[in-house]
PDB file of N, CA and C in Angstrom:
ATOM      1  N   MET A   1     -28.588 208.766 209.850  1.00  0.00           N
ATOM      2  CA  MET A   1     -28.800 207.702 208.883  1.00  0.00           C
ATOM      3  C   MET A   1     -27.509 207.393 208.137  1.00  0.00           C
ATOM      4  N   LYS A   2     -26.775 208.456 207.759  1.00  0.00           N
ATOM      5  CA  LYS A   2     -25.522 208.258 207.037  1.00  0.00           C
ATOM      6  C   LYS A   2     -24.501 207.526 207.906  1.00  0.00           C
ATOM      7  N   LYS A   3     -24.512 207.818 209.197  1.00  0.00           N
ATOM      8  CA  LYS A   3     -23.582 207.164 210.121  1.00  0.00           C
ATOM      9  C   LYS A   3     -23.874 205.673 210.229  1.00  0.00           C
ATOM     10  N   ILE A   4     -25.133 205.314 210.247  1.00  0.00           N
ATOM     11  CA  ILE A   4     -25.511 203.894 210.338  1.00  0.00           C
ATOM     12  C   ILE A   4     -25.066 203.144 209.092  1.00  0.00           C
ATOM     13  N   VAL A   5     -25.285 203.743 207.922  1.00  0.00           N
ATOM     14  CA  VAL A   5     -24.878 203.119 206.659  1.00  0.00           C
ATOM     15  C   VAL A   5     -23.362 202.976 206.621  1.00  0.00           C
ATOM     16  N   LEU A   6     -22.645 204.021 207.026  1.00  0.00           N
ATOM     17  CA  LEU A   6     -21.190 203.984 207.039  1.00  0.00           C
ATOM     18  C   LEU A   6     -20.656 202.940 208.018  1.00  0.00           C
ATOM     19  N   LEU A   7     -21.220 202.870 209.201  1.00  0.00           N
ATOM     20  CA  LEU A   7     -20.803 201.870 210.181  1.00  0.00           C
ATOM     21  C   LEU A   7     -21.082 200.456 209.683  1.00  0.00           C
ATOM     22  N   SER A   8     -22.220 200.264 209.052  1.00  0.00           N
ATOM     23  CA  SER A   8     -22.561 198.948 208.503  1.00  0.00           C
ATOM     24  C   SER A   8     -21.567 198.539 207.425  1.00  0.00           C
ATOM     25  N   ALA A   9     -21.216 199.459 206.549  1.00  0.00           N
ATOM     26  CA  ALA A   9     -20.261 199.171 205.480  1.00  0.00           C
ATOM     27  C   ALA A   9     -18.887 198.822 206.057  1.00  0.00           C
ATOM     28  N   LEU A  10     -18.454 199.581 207.062  1.00  0.00           N
ATOM     29  CA  LEU A  10     -17.167 199.294 207.692  1.00  0.00           C
ATOM     30  C   LEU A  10     -17.176 197.947 208.410  1.00  0.00           C
ATOM     31  N   LEU A  11     -18.282 197.620 209.049  1.00  0.00           N
ATOM     32  CA  LEU A  11     -18.395 196.344 209.743  1.00  0.00           C
ATOM     33  C   LEU A  11     -18.318 195.186 208.747  1.00  0.00           C
ATOM     34  N   ILE A  12     -19.031 195.292 207.654  1.00  0.00           N
ATOM     35  CA  ILE A  12     -19.011 194.237 206.629  1.00  0.00           C
ATOM     36  C   ILE A  12     -17.619 194.112 206.026  1.00  0.00           C
ATOM     37  N   ALA A  13     -16.969 195.234 205.742  1.00  0.00           N
ATOM     38  CA  ALA A  13     -15.613 195.201 205.186  1.00  0.00           C
ATOM     39  C   ALA A  13     -14.645 194.553 206.172  1.00  0.00           C
ATOM     40  N   GLY A  14     -14.769 194.883 207.434  1.00  0.00           N
ATOM     41  CA  GLY A  14     -13.900 194.295 208.456  1.00  0.00           C
ATOM     42  C   GLY A  14     -14.086 192.800 208.584  1.00  0.00           C
ATOM     43  N   ILE A  15     -15.325 192.357 208.527  1.00  0.00           N
ATOM     44  CA  ILE A  15     -15.603 190.920 208.624  1.00  0.00           C
ATOM     45  C   ILE A  15     -15.031 190.179 207.426  1.00  0.00           C
ATOM     46  N   SER A  16     -15.208 190.738 206.230  1.00  0.00           N
ATOM     47  CA  SER A  16     -14.711 190.042 205.036  1.00  0.00           C
ATOM     48  C   SER A  16     -13.190 189.994 205.005  1.00  0.00           C
ATOM     49  N   VAL A  17     -12.523 191.054 205.448  1.00  0.00           N
ATOM     50  CA  VAL A  17     -11.054 191.046 205.507  1.00  0.00           C
ATOM     51  C   VAL A  17     -10.586 190.009 206.514  1.00  0.00           C
ATOM     52  N   ASN A  18     -11.238 189.952 207.665  1.00  0.00           N
ATOM     53  CA  ASN A  18     -10.880 188.981 208.684  1.00  0.00           C
ATOM     54  C   ASN A  18     -11.108 187.554 208.187  1.00  0.00           C
ATOM     55  N   ALA A  19     -12.204 187.319 207.499  1.00  0.00           N
ATOM     56  CA  ALA A  19     -12.510 185.979 206.994  1.00  0.00           C
ATOM     57  C   ALA A  19     -11.484 185.538 205.971  1.00  0.00           C
ATOM     58  N   GLN A  20     -11.006 186.451 205.154  1.00  0.00           N
ATOM     59  CA  GLN A  20     -10.010 186.101 204.147  1.00  0.00           C
ATOM     60  C   GLN A  20      -8.664 185.804 204.776  1.00  0.00           C
ATOM     61  N   SER A  21      -8.304 186.508 205.802  1.00  0.00           N
ATOM     62  CA  SER A  21      -6.989 186.321 206.405  1.00  0.00           C
ATOM     63  C   SER A  21      -6.904 185.042 207.234  1.00  0.00           C
ATOM     64  N   THR A  22      -8.019 184.494 207.683  1.00  0.00           N
ATOM     65  CA  THR A  22      -7.961 183.298 208.510  1.00  0.00           C
ATOM     66  C   THR A  22      -7.775 182.034 207.696  1.00  0.00           C
ATOM     67  N   ARG A  23      -7.937 182.060 206.378  1.00  0.00           N
ATOM     68  CA  ARG A  23      -7.815 180.872 205.546  1.00  0.00           C
ATOM     69  C   ARG A  23      -6.434 180.732 204.909  1.00  0.00           C
ATOM     70  N   THR A  24      -5.441 181.495 205.358  1.00  0.00           N
ATOM     71  CA  THR A  24      -4.126 181.416 204.753  1.00  0.00           C
ATOM     72  C   THR A  24      -3.371 180.158 205.191  1.00  0.00           C
ATOM     73  N   ALA A  25      -3.633 179.646 206.372  1.00  0.00           N
ATOM     74  CA  ALA A  25      -2.965 178.433 206.850  1.00  0.00           C
ATOM     75  C   ALA A  25      -3.617 177.216 206.207  1.00  0.00           C
ATOM     76  N   PRO A  26      -2.819 176.199 205.849  1.00  0.00           N
ATOM     77  CA  PRO A  26      -3.407 174.979 205.289  1.00  0.00           C
ATOM     78  C   PRO A  26      -4.402 174.346 206.249  1.00  0.00           C
ATOM     79  N   VAL A  27      -5.439 173.776 205.708  1.00  0.00           N
ATOM     80  CA  VAL A  27      -6.505 173.171 206.505  1.00  0.00           C
ATOM     81  C   VAL A  27      -5.962 172.034 207.356  1.00  0.00           C
ATOM     82  N   GLU A  28      -4.951 171.324 206.877  1.00  0.00           N
ATOM     83  CA  GLU A  28      -4.412 170.172 207.594  1.00  0.00           C
ATOM     84  C   GLU A  28      -3.866 170.529 208.961  1.00  0.00           C
ATOM     85  N   GLN A  29      -3.449 171.768 209.159  1.00  0.00           N
ATOM     86  CA  GLN A  29      -2.881 172.156 210.441  1.00  0.00           C
ATOM     87  C   GLN A  29      -3.944 172.481 211.485  1.00  0.00           C
ATOM     88  N   THR A  30      -5.209 172.549 211.080  1.00  0.00           N
ATOM     89  CA  THR A  30      -6.241 172.883 212.041  1.00  0.00           C
ATOM     90  C   THR A  30      -6.548 171.712 212.968  1.00  0.00           C
ATOM     91  N   GLN A  31      -6.197 170.509 212.580  1.00  0.00           N
ATOM     92  CA  GLN A  31      -6.400 169.342 213.428  1.00  0.00           C
ATOM     93  C   GLN A  31      -5.034 168.728 213.725  1.00  0.00           C
ATOM     94  N   ASP A  32      -4.875 168.209 214.911  1.00  0.00           N
ATOM     95  CA  ASP A  32      -3.622 167.538 215.178  1.00  0.00           C
ATOM     96  C   ASP A  32      -3.623 166.199 214.436  1.00  0.00           C
ATOM     97  N   ALA A  33      -2.457 165.671 214.176  1.00  0.00           N
ATOM     98  CA  ALA A  33      -2.307 164.469 213.363  1.00  0.00           C
ATOM     99  C   ALA A  33      -3.021 163.262 213.975  1.00  0.00           C
ATOM    100  N   ALA A  34      -2.999 163.129 215.293  1.00  0.00           N
ATOM    101  CA  ALA A  34      -3.613 161.964 215.933  1.00  0.00           C
ATOM    102  C   ALA A  34      -5.125 161.936 215.739  1.00  0.00           C
ATOM    103  N   SER A  35      -5.783 163.067 215.931  1.00  0.00           N
ATOM    104  CA  SER A  35      -7.237 163.075 215.761  1.00  0.00           C
ATOM    105  C   SER A  35      -7.625 162.910 214.301  1.00  0.00           C
ATOM    106  N   LYS A  36      -6.824 163.477 213.412  1.00  0.00           N
ATOM    107  CA  LYS A  36      -7.104 163.324 211.984  1.00  0.00           C
ATOM    108  C   LYS A  36      -6.903 161.868 211.556  1.00  0.00           C
ATOM    109  N   ALA A  37      -5.847 161.236 212.051  1.00  0.00           N
ATOM    110  CA  ALA A  37      -5.590 159.832 211.713  1.00  0.00           C
ATOM    111  C   ALA A  37      -6.702 158.935 212.240  1.00  0.00           C
ATOM    112  N   LYS A  38      -7.193 159.248 213.416  1.00  0.00           N
ATOM    113  CA  LYS A  38      -8.290 158.475 214.009  1.00  0.00           C
ATOM    114  C   LYS A  38      -9.549 158.592 213.140  1.00  0.00           C
ATOM    115  N   LYS A  39      -9.831 159.805 212.702  1.00  0.00           N
ATOM    116  CA  LYS A  39     -11.007 160.053 211.862  1.00  0.00           C
ATOM    117  C   LYS A  39     -10.870 159.335 210.511  1.00  0.00           C
ATOM    118  N   GLN A  40      -9.685 159.419 209.904  1.00  0.00           N
ATOM    119  CA  GLN A  40      -9.459 158.764 208.613  1.00  0.00           C
ATOM    120  C   GLN A  40      -9.584 157.253 208.736  1.00  0.00           C
ATOM    121  N   THR A  41      -9.077 156.705 209.812  1.00  0.00           N
ATOM    122  CA  THR A  41      -9.161 155.256 210.033  1.00  0.00           C
ATOM    123  C   THR A  41     -10.616 154.836 210.226  1.00  0.00           C
ATOM    124  N   ALA A  42     -11.380 155.630 210.950  1.00  0.00           N
ATOM    125  CA  ALA A  42     -12.800 155.328 211.156  1.00  0.00           C
ATOM    126  C   ALA A  42     -13.565 155.380 209.833  1.00  0.00           C
ATOM    127  N   GLN A  43     -13.233 156.358 208.995  1.00  0.00           N
ATOM    128  CA  GLN A  43     -13.883 156.455 207.689  1.00  0.00           C
ATOM    129  C   GLN A  43     -13.544 155.245 206.820  1.00  0.00           C
ATOM    130  N   LEU A  44     -12.288 154.833 206.844  1.00  0.00           N
ATOM    131  CA  LEU A  44     -11.881 153.660 206.079  1.00  0.00           C
ATOM    132  C   LEU A  44     -12.593 152.417 206.600  1.00  0.00           C
ATOM    133  N   ASP A  45     -12.708 152.315 207.911  1.00  0.00           N
ATOM    134  CA  ASP A  45     -13.390 151.174 208.521  1.00  0.00           C
ATOM    135  C   ASP A  45     -14.856 151.114 208.082  1.00  0.00           C
ATOM    136  N   GLN A  46     -15.500 152.247 207.967  1.00  0.00           N
ATOM    137  CA  GLN A  46     -16.897 152.269 207.518  1.00  0.00           C
ATOM    138  C   GLN A  46     -17.026 151.760 206.085  1.00  0.00           C
ATOM    139  N   VAL A  47     -16.049 152.057 205.267  1.00  0.00           N
ATOM    140  CA  VAL A  47     -16.115 151.673 203.857  1.00  0.00           C
ATOM    141  C   VAL A  47     -15.775 150.198 203.655  1.00  0.00           C
ATOM    142  N   VAL A  48     -14.699 149.725 204.281  1.00  0.00           N
ATOM    143  CA  VAL A  48     -14.195 148.375 203.979  1.00  0.00           C
ATOM    144  C   VAL A  48     -14.286 147.386 205.132  1.00  0.00           C
ATOM    145  N   LEU A  49     -14.774 147.814 206.285  1.00  0.00           N
ATOM    146  CA  LEU A  49     -14.909 146.933 207.457  1.00  0.00           C
ATOM    147  C   LEU A  49     -13.579 146.274 207.843  1.00  0.00           C
ATOM    148  N   LEU A  50     -12.718 147.042 208.470  1.00  0.00           N
ATOM    149  CA  LEU A  50     -11.402 146.569 208.886  1.00  0.00           C
ATOM    150  C   LEU A  50     -11.500 145.643 210.094  1.00  0.00           C
ATOM    151  N   ASN A  51     -10.569 144.679 210.171  1.00  0.00           N
ATOM    152  CA  ASN A  51     -10.475 143.897 211.404  1.00  0.00           C
ATOM    153  C   ASN A  51      -9.553 144.656 212.370  1.00  0.00           C
ATOM    154  N   ALA A  52      -9.379 144.146 213.574  1.00  0.00           N
ATOM    155  CA  ALA A  52      -8.623 144.865 214.610  1.00  0.00           C
ATOM    156  C   ALA A  52      -7.172 145.123 214.196  1.00  0.00           C
ATOM    157  N   THR A  53      -6.530 144.129 213.602  1.00  0.00           N
ATOM    158  CA  THR A  53      -5.134 144.285 213.170  1.00  0.00           C
ATOM    159  C   THR A  53      -5.027 145.336 212.081  1.00  0.00           C
ATOM    160  N   GLN A  54      -5.964 145.287 211.133  1.00  0.00           N
ATOM    161  CA  GLN A  54      -5.953 146.254 210.039  1.00  0.00           C
ATOM    162  C   GLN A  54      -6.197 147.673 210.565  1.00  0.00           C
ATOM    163  N   LYS A  55      -7.051 147.803 211.571  1.00  0.00           N
ATOM    164  CA  LYS A  55      -7.318 149.127 212.151  1.00  0.00           C
ATOM    165  C   LYS A  55      -6.045 149.716 212.753  1.00  0.00           C
ATOM    166  N   GLU A  56      -5.304 148.879 213.482  1.00  0.00           N
ATOM    167  CA  GLU A  56      -4.055 149.344 214.090  1.00  0.00           C
ATOM    168  C   GLU A  56      -3.060 149.778 213.027  1.00  0.00           C
ATOM    169  N   LYS A  57      -2.913 148.958 211.993  1.00  0.00           N
ATOM    170  CA  LYS A  57      -1.969 149.280 210.924  1.00  0.00           C
ATOM    171  C   LYS A  57      -2.408 150.529 210.154  1.00  0.00           C
ATOM    172  N   ALA A  58      -3.703 150.625 209.867  1.00  0.00           N
ATOM    173  CA  ALA A  58      -4.223 151.790 209.138  1.00  0.00           C
ATOM    174  C   ALA A  58      -4.021 153.060 209.956  1.00  0.00           C
ATOM    175  N   TYR A  59      -4.270 152.991 211.261  1.00  0.00           N
ATOM    176  CA  TYR A  59      -4.067 154.150 212.125  1.00  0.00           C
ATOM    177  C   TYR A  59      -2.594 154.571 212.105  1.00  0.00           C
ATOM    178  N   ALA A  60      -1.692 153.612 212.189  1.00  0.00           N
ATOM    179  CA  ALA A  60      -0.259 153.924 212.185  1.00  0.00           C
ATOM    180  C   ALA A  60       0.144 154.591 210.862  1.00  0.00           C
ATOM    181  N   ILE A  61      -0.368 154.078 209.764  1.00  0.00           N
ATOM    182  CA  ILE A  61      -0.071 154.660 208.446  1.00  0.00           C
ATOM    183  C   ILE A  61      -0.624 156.077 208.377  1.00  0.00           C
ATOM    184  N   ASN A  62      -1.877 156.247 208.766  1.00  0.00           N
ATOM    185  CA  ASN A  62      -2.504 157.569 208.705  1.00  0.00           C
ATOM    186  C   ASN A  62      -1.785 158.573 209.605  1.00  0.00           C
ATOM    187  N   LEU A  63      -1.393 158.141 210.789  1.00  0.00           N
ATOM    188  CA  LEU A  63      -0.691 159.029 211.713  1.00  0.00           C
ATOM    189  C   LEU A  63       0.648 159.470 211.131  1.00  0.00           C
ATOM    190  N   GLU A  64       1.394 158.523 210.594  1.00  0.00           N
ATOM    191  CA  GLU A  64       2.696 158.841 209.996  1.00  0.00           C
ATOM    192  C   GLU A  64       2.535 159.827 208.840  1.00  0.00           C
ATOM    193  N   LYS A  65       1.580 159.559 207.961  1.00  0.00           N
ATOM    194  CA  LYS A  65       1.392 160.413 206.783  1.00  0.00           C
ATOM    195  C   LYS A  65       0.861 161.793 207.169  1.00  0.00           C
ATOM    196  N   ASP A  66      -0.021 161.868 208.167  1.00  0.00           N
ATOM    197  CA  ASP A  66      -0.519 163.165 208.612  1.00  0.00           C
ATOM    198  C   ASP A  66       0.593 163.995 209.246  1.00  0.00           C
ATOM    199  N   ASN A  67       1.485 163.351 209.977  1.00  0.00           N
ATOM    200  CA  ASN A  67       2.644 164.059 210.531  1.00  0.00           C
ATOM    201  C   ASN A  67       3.537 164.577 209.412  1.00  0.00           C
ATOM    202  N   GLN A  68       3.718 163.778 208.368  1.00  0.00           N
ATOM    203  CA  GLN A  68       4.525 164.210 207.221  1.00  0.00           C
ATOM    204  C   GLN A  68       3.882 165.408 206.514  1.00  0.00           C
ATOM    205  N   ILE A  69       2.564 165.367 206.367  1.00  0.00           N
ATOM    206  CA  ILE A  69       1.863 166.480 205.722  1.00  0.00           C
ATOM    207  C   ILE A  69       1.987 167.745 206.565  1.00  0.00           C
ATOM    208  N   ASN A  70       1.841 167.613 207.885  1.00  0.00           N
ATOM    209  CA  ASN A  70       1.997 168.779 208.754  1.00  0.00           C
ATOM    210  C   ASN A  70       3.398 169.360 208.658  1.00  0.00           C
ATOM    211  N   ALA A  71       4.414 168.502 208.547  1.00  0.00           N
ATOM    212  CA  ALA A  71       5.788 168.980 208.404  1.00  0.00           C
ATOM    213  C   ALA A  71       5.980 169.660 207.048  1.00  0.00           C
ATOM    214  N   ALA A  72       5.354 169.117 206.018  1.00  0.00           N
ATOM    215  CA  ALA A  72       5.486 169.685 204.678  1.00  0.00           C
ATOM    216  C   ALA A  72       4.787 171.034 204.556  1.00  0.00           C
ATOM    217  N   ALA A  73       3.825 171.296 205.417  1.00  0.00           N
ATOM    218  CA  ALA A  73       3.064 172.548 205.362  1.00  0.00           C
ATOM    219  C   ALA A  73       3.929 173.771 205.637  1.00  0.00           C
ATOM    220  N   ALA A  74       5.091 173.565 206.225  1.00  0.00           N
ATOM    221  CA  ALA A  74       5.982 174.684 206.518  1.00  0.00           C
ATOM    222  C   ALA A  74       6.492 175.351 205.242  1.00  0.00           C
ATOM    223  N   ASN A  75       6.629 174.580 204.174  1.00  0.00           N
ATOM    224  CA  ASN A  75       7.112 175.117 202.908  1.00  0.00           C
ATOM    225  C   ASN A  75       5.929 175.277 201.959  1.00  0.00           C
ATOM    226  N   LYS A  76       5.379 176.472 201.900  1.00  0.00           N
ATOM    227  CA  LYS A  76       4.172 176.721 201.109  1.00  0.00           C
ATOM    228  C   LYS A  76       4.396 176.515 199.616  1.00  0.00           C
ATOM    229  N   ALA A  77       5.620 176.723 199.158  1.00  0.00           N
ATOM    230  CA  ALA A  77       5.902 176.615 197.721  1.00  0.00           C
ATOM    231  C   ALA A  77       5.747 175.180 197.218  1.00  0.00           C
ATOM    232  N   THR A  78       6.104 174.213 198.044  1.00  0.00           N
ATOM    233  CA  THR A  78       6.054 172.814 197.601  1.00  0.00           C
ATOM    234  C   THR A  78       4.976 172.012 198.315  1.00  0.00           C
ATOM    235  N   PHE A  79       4.146 172.673 199.109  1.00  0.00           N
ATOM    236  CA  PHE A  79       3.189 171.957 199.947  1.00  0.00           C
ATOM    237  C   PHE A  79       2.236 171.074 199.151  1.00  0.00           C
ATOM    238  N   GLU A  80       1.610 171.614 198.127  1.00  0.00           N
ATOM    239  CA  GLU A  80       0.615 170.841 197.383  1.00  0.00           C
ATOM    240  C   GLU A  80       1.226 169.606 196.728  1.00  0.00           C
ATOM    241  N   ALA A  81       2.413 169.751 196.150  1.00  0.00           N
ATOM    242  CA  ALA A  81       3.083 168.616 195.514  1.00  0.00           C
ATOM    243  C   ALA A  81       3.457 167.559 196.554  1.00  0.00           C
ATOM    244  N   GLU A  82       3.962 167.995 197.691  1.00  0.00           N
ATOM    245  CA  GLU A  82       4.330 167.067 198.765  1.00  0.00           C
ATOM    246  C   GLU A  82       3.098 166.359 199.319  1.00  0.00           C
ATOM    247  N   LYS A  83       2.027 167.105 199.498  1.00  0.00           N
ATOM    248  CA  LYS A  83       0.795 166.526 200.019  1.00  0.00           C
ATOM    249  C   LYS A  83       0.277 165.442 199.072  1.00  0.00           C
ATOM    250  N   THR A  84       0.306 165.724 197.777  1.00  0.00           N
ATOM    251  CA  THR A  84      -0.131 164.736 196.782  1.00  0.00           C
ATOM    252  C   THR A  84       0.741 163.490 196.836  1.00  0.00           C
ATOM    253  N   ARG A  85       2.055 163.691 196.916  1.00  0.00           N
ATOM    254  CA  ARG A  85       2.984 162.558 196.975  1.00  0.00           C
ATOM    255  C   ARG A  85       2.738 161.715 198.234  1.00  0.00           C
ATOM    256  N   ILE A  86       2.582 162.371 199.353  1.00  0.00           N
ATOM    257  CA  ILE A  86       2.363 161.668 200.625  1.00  0.00           C
ATOM    258  C   ILE A  86       1.045 160.903 200.592  1.00  0.00           C
ATOM    259  N   ASN A  87      -0.002 161.512 200.051  1.00  0.00           N
ATOM    260  CA  ASN A  87      -1.294 160.828 199.980  1.00  0.00           C
ATOM    261  C   ASN A  87      -1.249 159.625 199.040  1.00  0.00           C
ATOM    262  N   LYS A  88      -0.454 159.697 197.990  1.00  0.00           N
ATOM    263  CA  LYS A  88      -0.294 158.534 197.106  1.00  0.00           C
ATOM    264  C   LYS A  88       0.426 157.409 197.839  1.00  0.00           C
ATOM    265  N   GLU A  89       1.436 157.761 198.625  1.00  0.00           N
ATOM    266  CA  GLU A  89       2.137 156.762 199.444  1.00  0.00           C
ATOM    267  C   GLU A  89       1.179 156.139 200.449  1.00  0.00           C
ATOM    268  N   ARG A  90       0.337 156.975 201.065  1.00  0.00           N
ATOM    269  CA  ARG A  90      -0.644 156.499 202.041  1.00  0.00           C
ATOM    270  C   ARG A  90      -1.553 155.460 201.391  1.00  0.00           C
ATOM    271  N   GLU A  91      -2.072 155.805 200.215  1.00  0.00           N
ATOM    272  CA  GLU A  91      -2.984 154.895 199.522  1.00  0.00           C
ATOM    273  C   GLU A  91      -2.296 153.567 199.198  1.00  0.00           C
ATOM    274  N   LYS A  92      -1.062 153.633 198.741  1.00  0.00           N
ATOM    275  CA  LYS A  92      -0.315 152.412 198.415  1.00  0.00           C
ATOM    276  C   LYS A  92      -0.128 151.538 199.656  1.00  0.00           C
ATOM    277  N   GLU A  93       0.229 152.159 200.773  1.00  0.00           N
ATOM    278  CA  GLU A  93       0.447 151.409 202.017  1.00  0.00           C
ATOM    279  C   GLU A  93      -0.863 150.837 202.561  1.00  0.00           C
ATOM    280  N   LEU A  94      -1.934 151.598 202.458  1.00  0.00           N
ATOM    281  CA  LEU A  94      -3.227 151.097 202.927  1.00  0.00           C
ATOM    282  C   LEU A  94      -3.706 149.928 202.065  1.00  0.00           C
ATOM    283  N   MET A  95      -3.501 150.026 200.762  1.00  0.00           N
ATOM    284  CA  MET A  95      -3.919 148.943 199.863  1.00  0.00           C
ATOM    285  C   MET A  95      -3.175 147.647 200.208  1.00  0.00           C
ATOM    286  N   ALA A  96      -1.952 147.763 200.690  1.00  0.00           N
ATOM    287  CA  ALA A  96      -1.161 146.583 201.036  1.00  0.00           C
ATOM    288  C   ALA A  96      -1.733 145.818 202.227  1.00  0.00           C
ATOM    289  N   ILE A  97      -2.462 146.494 203.099  1.00  0.00           N
ATOM    290  CA  ILE A  97      -3.010 145.805 204.276  1.00  0.00           C
ATOM    291  C   ILE A  97      -4.448 145.318 204.057  1.00  0.00           C
ATOM    292  N   LEU A  98      -5.044 145.681 202.932  1.00  0.00           N
ATOM    293  CA  LEU A  98      -6.429 145.298 202.655  1.00  0.00           C
ATOM    294  C   LEU A  98      -6.506 143.997 201.858  1.00  0.00           C
ATOM    295  N   THR A  99      -7.598 143.280 202.053  1.00  0.00           N
ATOM    296  CA  THR A  99      -7.849 142.080 201.252  1.00  0.00           C
ATOM    297  C   THR A  99      -8.313 142.520 199.867  1.00  0.00           C
ATOM    298  N   PRO A 100      -8.299 141.625 198.876  1.00  0.00           N
ATOM    299  CA  PRO A 100      -8.762 142.007 197.534  1.00  0.00           C
ATOM    300  C   PRO A 100     -10.204 142.550 197.522  1.00  0.00           C
ATOM    301  N   GLU A 101     -11.080 141.973 198.337  1.00  0.00           N
ATOM    302  CA  GLU A 101     -12.459 142.462 198.400  1.00  0.00           C
ATOM    303  C   GLU A 101     -12.503 143.883 198.979  1.00  0.00           C
ATOM    304  N   GLN A 102     -11.708 144.113 200.007  1.00  0.00           N
ATOM    305  CA  GLN A 102     -11.652 145.434 200.622  1.00  0.00           C
ATOM    306  C   GLN A 102     -11.048 146.455 199.655  1.00  0.00           C
ATOM    307  N   GLN A 103     -10.050 146.015 198.896  1.00  0.00           N
ATOM    308  CA  GLN A 103      -9.439 146.903 197.908  1.00  0.00           C
ATOM    309  C   GLN A 103     -10.467 147.344 196.871  1.00  0.00           C
ATOM    310  N   ALA A 104     -11.303 146.423 196.431  1.00  0.00           N
ATOM    311  CA  ALA A 104     -12.338 146.750 195.454  1.00  0.00           C
ATOM    312  C   ALA A 104     -13.325 147.761 196.039  1.00  0.00           C
ATOM    313  N   LYS A 105     -13.735 147.562 197.286  1.00  0.00           N
ATOM    314  CA  LYS A 105     -14.647 148.499 197.951  1.00  0.00           C
ATOM    315  C   LYS A 105     -13.993 149.875 198.083  1.00  0.00           C
ATOM    316  N   PHE A 106     -12.729 149.876 198.430  1.00  0.00           N
ATOM    317  CA  PHE A 106     -11.987 151.123 198.604  1.00  0.00           C
ATOM    318  C   PHE A 106     -11.918 151.894 197.295  1.00  0.00           C
ATOM    319  N   LYS A 107     -11.575 151.200 196.211  1.00  0.00           N
ATOM    320  CA  LYS A 107     -11.478 151.851 194.898  1.00  0.00           C
ATOM    321  C   LYS A 107     -12.833 152.376 194.442  1.00  0.00           C
ATOM    322  N   THR A 108     -13.881 151.620 194.698  1.00  0.00           N
ATOM    323  CA  THR A 108     -15.229 152.064 194.336  1.00  0.00           C
ATOM    324  C   THR A 108     -15.598 153.331 195.109  1.00  0.00           C
ATOM    325  N   ALA A 109     -15.311 153.343 196.397  1.00  0.00           N
ATOM    326  CA  ALA A 109     -15.619 154.511 197.231  1.00  0.00           C
ATOM    327  C   ALA A 109     -14.831 155.733 196.772  1.00  0.00           C
ATOM    328  N   GLN A 110     -13.579 155.524 196.389  1.00  0.00           N
ATOM    329  CA  GLN A 110     -12.762 156.634 195.902  1.00  0.00           C
ATOM    330  C   GLN A 110     -13.315 157.189 194.599  1.00  0.00           C
ATOM    331  N   ALA A 111     -13.725 156.303 193.704  1.00  0.00           N
ATOM    332  CA  ALA A 111     -14.288 156.751 192.430  1.00  0.00           C
ATOM    333  C   ALA A 111     -15.568 157.548 192.655  1.00  0.00           C
ATOM    334  N   GLU A 112     -16.397 157.089 193.574  1.00  0.00           N
ATOM    335  CA  GLU A 112     -17.630 157.811 193.894  1.00  0.00           C
ATOM    336  C   GLU A 112     -17.322 159.185 194.488  1.00  0.00           C
ATOM    337  N   LYS A 113     -16.309 159.239 195.334  1.00  0.00           N
ATOM    338  CA  LYS A 113     -15.925 160.500 195.965  1.00  0.00           C
ATOM    339  C   LYS A 113     -15.407 161.487 194.912  1.00  0.00           C
ATOM    340  N   LYS A 114     -14.611 160.988 193.952  1.00  0.00           N
ATOM    341  CA  LYS A 114     -14.088 161.841 192.885  1.00  0.00           C
ATOM    342  C   LYS A 114     -15.213 162.388 192.022  1.00  0.00           C
ATOM    343  N   SER A 115     -16.171 161.525 191.673  1.00  0.00           N
ATOM    344  CA  SER A 115     -17.270 161.981 190.826  1.00  0.00           C
ATOM    345  C   SER A 115     -18.150 162.990 191.579  1.00  0.00           C
ATOM    346  N   ALA A 116     -18.309 162.802 192.875  1.00  0.00           N
ATOM    347  CA  ALA A 116     -19.076 163.754 193.676  1.00  0.00           C
ATOM    348  C   ALA A 116     -18.380 165.105 193.717  1.00  0.00           C
ATOM    349  N   ARG A 117     -17.062 165.096 193.851  1.00  0.00           N
ATOM    350  CA  ARG A 117     -16.294 166.359 193.859  1.00  0.00           C
ATOM    351  C   ARG A 117     -16.406 167.061 192.510  1.00  0.00           C
ATOM    352  N   ALA A 118     -16.310 166.284 191.434  1.00  0.00           N
ATOM    353  CA  ALA A 118     -16.401 166.857 190.102  1.00  0.00           C
ATOM    354  C   ALA A 118     -17.781 167.483 189.881  1.00  0.00           C
ATOM    355  N   THR A 119     -18.801 166.847 190.392  1.00  0.00           N
ATOM    356  CA  THR A 119     -20.165 167.373 190.261  1.00  0.00           C
ATOM    357  C   THR A 119     -20.317 168.663 191.063  1.00  0.00           C
ATOM    358  N   GLU A 120     -19.702 168.722 192.244  1.00  0.00           N
ATOM    359  CA  GLU A 120     -19.770 169.916 193.093  1.00  0.00           C
ATOM    360  C   GLU A 120     -19.099 171.104 192.436  1.00  0.00           C
ATOM    361  N   LYS A 121     -17.999 170.878 191.726  1.00  0.00           N
ATOM    362  CA  LYS A 121     -17.241 171.954 191.122  1.00  0.00           C
ATOM    363  C   LYS A 121     -17.963 172.559 189.924  1.00  0.00           C
ATOM    364  N   LYS A 122     -18.867 171.808 189.326  1.00  0.00           N
ATOM    365  CA  LYS A 122     -19.567 172.327 188.138  1.00  0.00           C
ATOM    366  C   LYS A 122     -20.644 173.261 188.477  1.00  0.00           C
TER     367      LYS A 122
END
């Protein structure tokens, strides 16, 4: 009985140590930039209904910014600041390709997303 309890404790400890060590890499590196850019463009399209030209431009912007974020991930000390800066640039560039109506939808969706995150954290 003591052996079973001891083995169970060691197994649980091993799993928790392994789970903690796998989250050290930034989440952005788990997906390649192209698939992430495709997903982000599709999400934007769902919110603001992009036309074909806007989809191409949005994909190019997302791909460029995701590549920049992946490159910035190499320096862990400045990663979060760089990621924030790059995402602000992304938003500015995306807003430039959207119509005023689409911009309003985009801002509304962002505000809803922020409030949802704030609610989750509480």
